[in-house]
Amino acid sequence: MKNIKDYTFSELQEELENIGEKKFRAEQIYKWLYGEKVKTFEEMTNLSKELREKLNKEYTICNFNILNKQESKDGTIKYLFDVLDGNAIETVLMKYHYGYSICVSSQIGCKMGCKFCASTGIEFVRSLSAGEIVEQILAVEQDQGIRISNVVFMGIRRTT
C-alpha cells in the first residue's frame, strides 16, 4: 500500500482526482494529518464514509511505534522507532532557548563509513521516504505535546 504521507499537496490533489474525488479533499486530509495528527482515516470525520473506505483500501498512514525512549540529564530525548519493516531508526529531540530541534534519520544504515560517526559499520539498507521522515517529526510532536521548530537530518540504523 502507498503511504499517504509520501505525497506533496499537489501530488495528493492529483491522486485524489485519479480515484474520482475532488481536489479540495487534499486540503481536508492534510489538515487531519498535519494539523490534528490523526492516526487513522476513520478519524477524518468530515470525509464521507465511502471516501474513508476508499482511502483505507488504497493507502496507509505511516505511524511509527516507539521501541525505546531515553532522556539524558540535559533533557535531550533519543527515540528508537520501529519503521514497520523489521528495521529501526533513531530520532533525537533537543530543547534550546529558541525552541525544539529534532535530528531525523534519512536512511537506514550508511554507505559512507566516516570514522567519527556512530553509524559507521552499520550496513546501508535503504533511504527513508518523505513520509517516513515526516512521521518522525509528527510522532515526537505528538508524544511530547510540542511543536518542532528546527530539523536536522542524519542517517543511522539500529537493529530491533
C-alpha atoms as a PDB file:
ATOM      1  CA  MET A   1       0.000   0.000   0.000  1.00  0.00           C
ATOM      2  CA  LYS A   2       1.029   3.588  -0.582  1.00  0.00           C
ATOM      3  CA  ASN A   3       1.868   5.821   2.391  1.00  0.00           C
ATOM      4  CA  ILE A   4      -0.361   8.885   2.097  1.00  0.00           C
ATOM      5  CA  LYS A   5       2.276  10.969   3.906  1.00  0.00           C
ATOM      6  CA  ASP A   6       4.631  10.451   0.945  1.00  0.00           C
ATOM      7  CA  TYR A   7       2.551  12.787  -1.246  1.00  0.00           C
ATOM      8  CA  THR A   8       3.098  16.505  -1.609  1.00  0.00           C
ATOM      9  CA  PHE A   9      -0.073  18.587  -1.527  1.00  0.00           C
ATOM     10  CA  SER A  10      -0.285  18.855  -5.323  1.00  0.00           C
ATOM     11  CA  GLU A  11       0.512  15.153  -5.760  1.00  0.00           C
ATOM     12  CA  LEU A  12      -2.275  14.284  -3.322  1.00  0.00           C
ATOM     13  CA  GLN A  13      -4.706  16.512  -5.238  1.00  0.00           C
ATOM     14  CA  GLU A  14      -3.818  14.657  -8.440  1.00  0.00           C
ATOM     15  CA  GLU A  15      -4.008  11.272  -6.734  1.00  0.00           C
ATOM     16  CA  LEU A  16      -7.478  12.066  -5.386  1.00  0.00           C
ATOM     17  CA  GLU A  17      -8.676  13.163  -8.826  1.00  0.00           C
ATOM     18  CA  ASN A  18      -7.353   9.865 -10.215  1.00  0.00           C
ATOM     19  CA  ILE A  19      -9.614   7.953  -7.822  1.00  0.00           C
ATOM     20  CA  GLY A  20     -12.651  10.083  -8.689  1.00  0.00           C
ATOM     21  CA  GLU A  21     -12.530  12.589  -5.830  1.00  0.00           C
ATOM     22  CA  LYS A  22     -12.455  16.398  -5.768  1.00  0.00           C
ATOM     23  CA  LYS A  23      -9.142  18.242  -5.347  1.00  0.00           C
ATOM     24  CA  PHE A  24     -10.342  20.090  -2.222  1.00  0.00           C
ATOM     25  CA  ARG A  25     -10.281  16.796  -0.319  1.00  0.00           C
ATOM     26  CA  ALA A  26      -6.472  17.054  -0.262  1.00  0.00           C
ATOM     27  CA  GLU A  27      -6.704  20.132   1.963  1.00  0.00           C
ATOM     28  CA  GLN A  28      -9.037  18.303   4.351  1.00  0.00           C
ATOM     29  CA  ILE A  29      -6.728  15.280   4.502  1.00  0.00           C
ATOM     30  CA  TYR A  30      -3.649  17.477   5.032  1.00  0.00           C
ATOM     31  CA  LYS A  31      -5.346  19.273   7.942  1.00  0.00           C
ATOM     32  CA  TRP A  32      -6.154  15.938   9.570  1.00  0.00           C
ATOM     33  CA  LEU A  33      -2.664  14.502   9.051  1.00  0.00           C
ATOM     34  CA  TYR A  34      -0.531  17.524   9.899  1.00  0.00           C
ATOM     35  CA  GLY A  35      -2.829  19.734  11.975  1.00  0.00           C
ATOM     36  CA  GLU A  36      -4.739  17.198  14.041  1.00  0.00           C
ATOM     37  CA  LYS A  37      -2.101  14.438  13.677  1.00  0.00           C
ATOM     38  CA  VAL A  38      -4.697  11.679  13.334  1.00  0.00           C
ATOM     39  CA  LYS A  39      -3.548   8.070  13.101  1.00  0.00           C
ATOM     40  CA  THR A  40      -6.435   6.611  11.049  1.00  0.00           C
ATOM     41  CA  PHE A  41      -8.684   7.577   8.160  1.00  0.00           C
ATOM     42  CA  GLU A  42     -11.699   6.850  10.381  1.00  0.00           C
ATOM     43  CA  GLU A  43     -10.804   9.914  12.474  1.00  0.00           C
ATOM     44  CA  MET A  44     -11.233  12.167   9.417  1.00  0.00           C
ATOM     45  CA  THR A  45     -14.874  12.817  10.219  1.00  0.00           C
ATOM     46  CA  ASN A  46     -15.530  15.495   7.586  1.00  0.00           C
ATOM     47  CA  LEU A  47     -14.798  12.935   4.840  1.00  0.00           C
ATOM     48  CA  SER A  48     -17.585  10.661   3.662  1.00  0.00           C
ATOM     49  CA  LYS A  49     -17.610   7.088   4.877  1.00  0.00           C
ATOM     50  CA  GLU A  50     -17.173   5.970   1.259  1.00  0.00           C
ATOM     51  CA  LEU A  51     -14.044   8.100   0.827  1.00  0.00           C
ATOM     52  CA  ARG A  52     -12.577   6.869   4.105  1.00  0.00           C
ATOM     53  CA  GLU A  53     -13.161   3.268   2.975  1.00  0.00           C
ATOM     54  CA  LYS A  54     -11.527   4.046  -0.383  1.00  0.00           C
ATOM     55  CA  LEU A  55      -8.525   5.585   1.378  1.00  0.00           C
ATOM     56  CA  ASN A  56      -8.234   2.549   3.671  1.00  0.00           C
ATOM     57  CA  LYS A  57      -8.135   0.215   0.656  1.00  0.00           C
ATOM     58  CA  GLU A  58      -5.553   2.186  -1.319  1.00  0.00           C
ATOM     59  CA  TYR A  59      -3.350   3.893   1.276  1.00  0.00           C
ATOM     60  CA  THR A  60      -1.793   3.594   4.675  1.00  0.00           C
ATOM     61  CA  ILE A  61      -0.991   6.283   7.227  1.00  0.00           C
ATOM     62  CA  CYS A  62       2.571   5.642   8.359  1.00  0.00           C
ATOM     63  CA  ASN A  63       2.511   5.545  12.180  1.00  0.00           C
ATOM     64  CA  PHE A  64       5.784   4.539  13.805  1.00  0.00           C
ATOM     65  CA  ASN A  65       5.885   2.671  17.097  1.00  0.00           C
ATOM     66  CA  ILE A  66       8.239   3.867  19.818  1.00  0.00           C
ATOM     67  CA  LEU A  67      10.516   0.948  20.691  1.00  0.00           C
ATOM     68  CA  ASN A  68      12.603   2.854  23.203  1.00  0.00           C
ATOM     69  CA  LYS A  69      12.935   6.368  24.576  1.00  0.00           C
ATOM     70  CA  GLN A  70      15.939   7.601  26.579  1.00  0.00           C
ATOM     71  CA  GLU A  71      16.265  11.006  28.228  1.00  0.00           C
ATOM     72  CA  SER A  72      19.645  12.486  29.133  1.00  0.00           C
ATOM     73  CA  LYS A  73      20.379  14.826  32.046  1.00  0.00           C
ATOM     74  CA  ASP A  74      20.283  17.842  29.719  1.00  0.00           C
ATOM     75  CA  GLY A  75      16.759  16.963  28.551  1.00  0.00           C
ATOM     76  CA  THR A  76      17.733  15.546  25.167  1.00  0.00           C
ATOM     77  CA  ILE A  77      15.453  12.642  24.261  1.00  0.00           C
ATOM     78  CA  LYS A  78      16.521   9.832  21.934  1.00  0.00           C
ATOM     79  CA  TYR A  79      13.768   7.803  20.296  1.00  0.00           C
ATOM     80  CA  LEU A  80      14.119   4.408  18.690  1.00  0.00           C
ATOM     81  CA  PHE A  81      11.293   3.945  16.190  1.00  0.00           C
ATOM     82  CA  ASP A  82      10.064   0.774  14.509  1.00  0.00           C
ATOM     83  CA  VAL A  83       9.768   1.713  10.827  1.00  0.00           C
ATOM     84  CA  LEU A  84       7.319  -1.153  10.277  1.00  0.00           C
ATOM     85  CA  ASP A  85       9.561  -3.279   8.030  1.00  0.00           C
ATOM     86  CA  GLY A  86      11.762  -5.013  10.609  1.00  0.00           C
ATOM     87  CA  ASN A  87      14.181  -2.082  10.861  1.00  0.00           C
ATOM     88  CA  ALA A  88      14.530   0.706  13.392  1.00  0.00           C
ATOM     89  CA  ILE A  89      15.810   4.274  13.282  1.00  0.00           C
ATOM     90  CA  GLU A  90      16.871   6.852  15.825  1.00  0.00           C
ATOM     91  CA  THR A  91      15.422  10.338  16.177  1.00  0.00           C
ATOM     92  CA  VAL A  92      16.728  12.870  18.695  1.00  0.00           C
ATOM     93  CA  LEU A  93      14.804  15.756  20.296  1.00  0.00           C
ATOM     94  CA  MET A  94      16.743  18.697  21.764  1.00  0.00           C
ATOM     95  CA  LYS A  95      15.342  21.670  23.688  1.00  0.00           C
ATOM     96  CA  TYR A  96      17.036  25.033  23.226  1.00  0.00           C
ATOM     97  CA  HIS A  97      16.158  28.560  24.375  1.00  0.00           C
ATOM     98  CA  TYR A  98      14.768  29.253  20.876  1.00  0.00           C
ATOM     99  CA  GLY A  99      12.603  26.127  20.649  1.00  0.00           C
ATOM    100  CA  TYR A 100      12.773  22.441  19.870  1.00  0.00           C
ATOM    101  CA  SER A 101      15.169  20.919  17.360  1.00  0.00           C
ATOM    102  CA  ILE A 102      14.920  17.385  16.070  1.00  0.00           C
ATOM    103  CA  CYS A 103      17.505  15.224  14.321  1.00  0.00           C
ATOM    104  CA  VAL A 104      15.674  12.910  11.952  1.00  0.00           C
ATOM    105  CA  SER A 105      17.068   9.843  10.251  1.00  0.00           C
ATOM    106  CA  SER A 106      17.044   9.990   6.467  1.00  0.00           C
ATOM    107  CA  GLN A 107      18.139   6.427   5.854  1.00  0.00           C
ATOM    108  CA  ILE A 108      18.538   3.038   7.435  1.00  0.00           C
ATOM    109  CA  GLY A 109      22.268   2.432   7.643  1.00  0.00           C
ATOM    110  CA  CYS A 110      25.008   4.321   5.832  1.00  0.00           C
ATOM    111  CA  LYS A 111      27.292   3.867   2.819  1.00  0.00           C
ATOM    112  CA  MET A 112      29.888   6.452   3.889  1.00  0.00           C
ATOM    113  CA  GLY A 113      31.704   4.886   6.857  1.00  0.00           C
ATOM    114  CA  CYS A 114      33.040   8.141   8.350  1.00  0.00           C
ATOM    115  CA  LYS A 115      35.313   7.366  11.321  1.00  0.00           C
ATOM    116  CA  PHE A 116      33.697   9.966  13.608  1.00  0.00           C
ATOM    117  CA  CYS A 117      30.099   8.805  13.061  1.00  0.00           C
ATOM    118  CA  ALA A 118      28.072   6.403  15.226  1.00  0.00           C
ATOM    119  CA  SER A 119      26.553   4.787  12.131  1.00  0.00           C
ATOM    120  CA  THR A 120      29.938   3.651  10.774  1.00  0.00           C
ATOM    121  CA  GLY A 121      29.844  -0.072  10.124  1.00  0.00           C
ATOM    122  CA  ILE A 122      26.042  -0.240  10.036  1.00  0.00           C
ATOM    123  CA  GLU A 123      25.155  -1.635   6.630  1.00  0.00           C
ATOM    124  CA  PHE A 124      23.035   0.546   4.373  1.00  0.00           C
ATOM    125  CA  VAL A 125      19.534  -0.879   3.916  1.00  0.00           C
ATOM    126  CA  ARG A 126      17.564   1.901   2.207  1.00  0.00           C
ATOM    127  CA  SER A 127      16.696   5.571   2.208  1.00  0.00           C
ATOM    128  CA  LEU A 128      13.569   6.613   4.058  1.00  0.00           C
ATOM    129  CA  SER A 129      10.618   8.002   2.133  1.00  0.00           C
ATOM    130  CA  ALA A 130       9.495  11.587   2.640  1.00  0.00           C
ATOM    131  CA  GLY A 131       6.514  10.319   4.624  1.00  0.00           C
ATOM    132  CA  GLU A 132       8.758   8.298   6.927  1.00  0.00           C
ATOM    133  CA  ILE A 133      10.911  11.352   7.606  1.00  0.00           C
ATOM    134  CA  VAL A 134       7.846  13.498   8.310  1.00  0.00           C
ATOM    135  CA  GLU A 135       6.426  10.785  10.581  1.00  0.00           C
ATOM    136  CA  GLN A 136       9.434  11.134  12.909  1.00  0.00           C
ATOM    137  CA  ILE A 137       8.558  14.793  13.467  1.00  0.00           C
ATOM    138  CA  LEU A 138       4.845  14.106  13.914  1.00  0.00           C
ATOM    139  CA  ALA A 139       5.434  11.185  16.302  1.00  0.00           C
ATOM    140  CA  VAL A 140       7.736  13.227  18.555  1.00  0.00           C
ATOM    141  CA  GLU A 141       5.419  16.251  18.496  1.00  0.00           C
ATOM    142  CA  GLN A 142       2.508  14.047  19.478  1.00  0.00           C
ATOM    143  CA  ASP A 143       4.456  12.171  22.159  1.00  0.00           C
ATOM    144  CA  GLN A 144       5.744  15.394  23.755  1.00  0.00           C
ATOM    145  CA  GLY A 145       2.793  17.712  23.064  1.00  0.00           C
ATOM    146  CA  ILE A 146       5.117  20.245  21.406  1.00  0.00           C
ATOM    147  CA  ARG A 147       5.835  21.859  18.061  1.00  0.00           C
ATOM    148  CA  ILE A 148       9.234  21.310  16.428  1.00  0.00           C
ATOM    149  CA  SER A 149      10.899  24.495  15.162  1.00  0.00           C
ATOM    150  CA  ASN A 150      14.132  23.145  13.597  1.00  0.00           C
ATOM    151  CA  VAL A 151      15.007  19.953  11.730  1.00  0.00           C
ATOM    152  CA  VAL A 152      18.459  18.394  11.242  1.00  0.00           C
ATOM    153  CA  PHE A 153      18.998  15.347   9.017  1.00  0.00           C
ATOM    154  CA  MET A 154      21.136  12.342   9.924  1.00  0.00           C
ATOM    155  CA  GLY A 155      21.421   8.725   8.874  1.00  0.00           C
ATOM    156  CA  ILE A 156      21.699   5.817  11.309  1.00  0.00           C
ATOM    157  CA  ARG A 157      20.144   2.429  11.837  1.00  0.00           C
ATOM    158  CA  ARG A 158      19.853   0.113  14.785  1.00  0.00           C
ATOM    159  CA  THR A 159      18.510  -3.401  14.612  1.00  0.00           C
ATOM    160  CA  THR A 160      15.499  -4.281  16.730  1.00  0.00           C
END
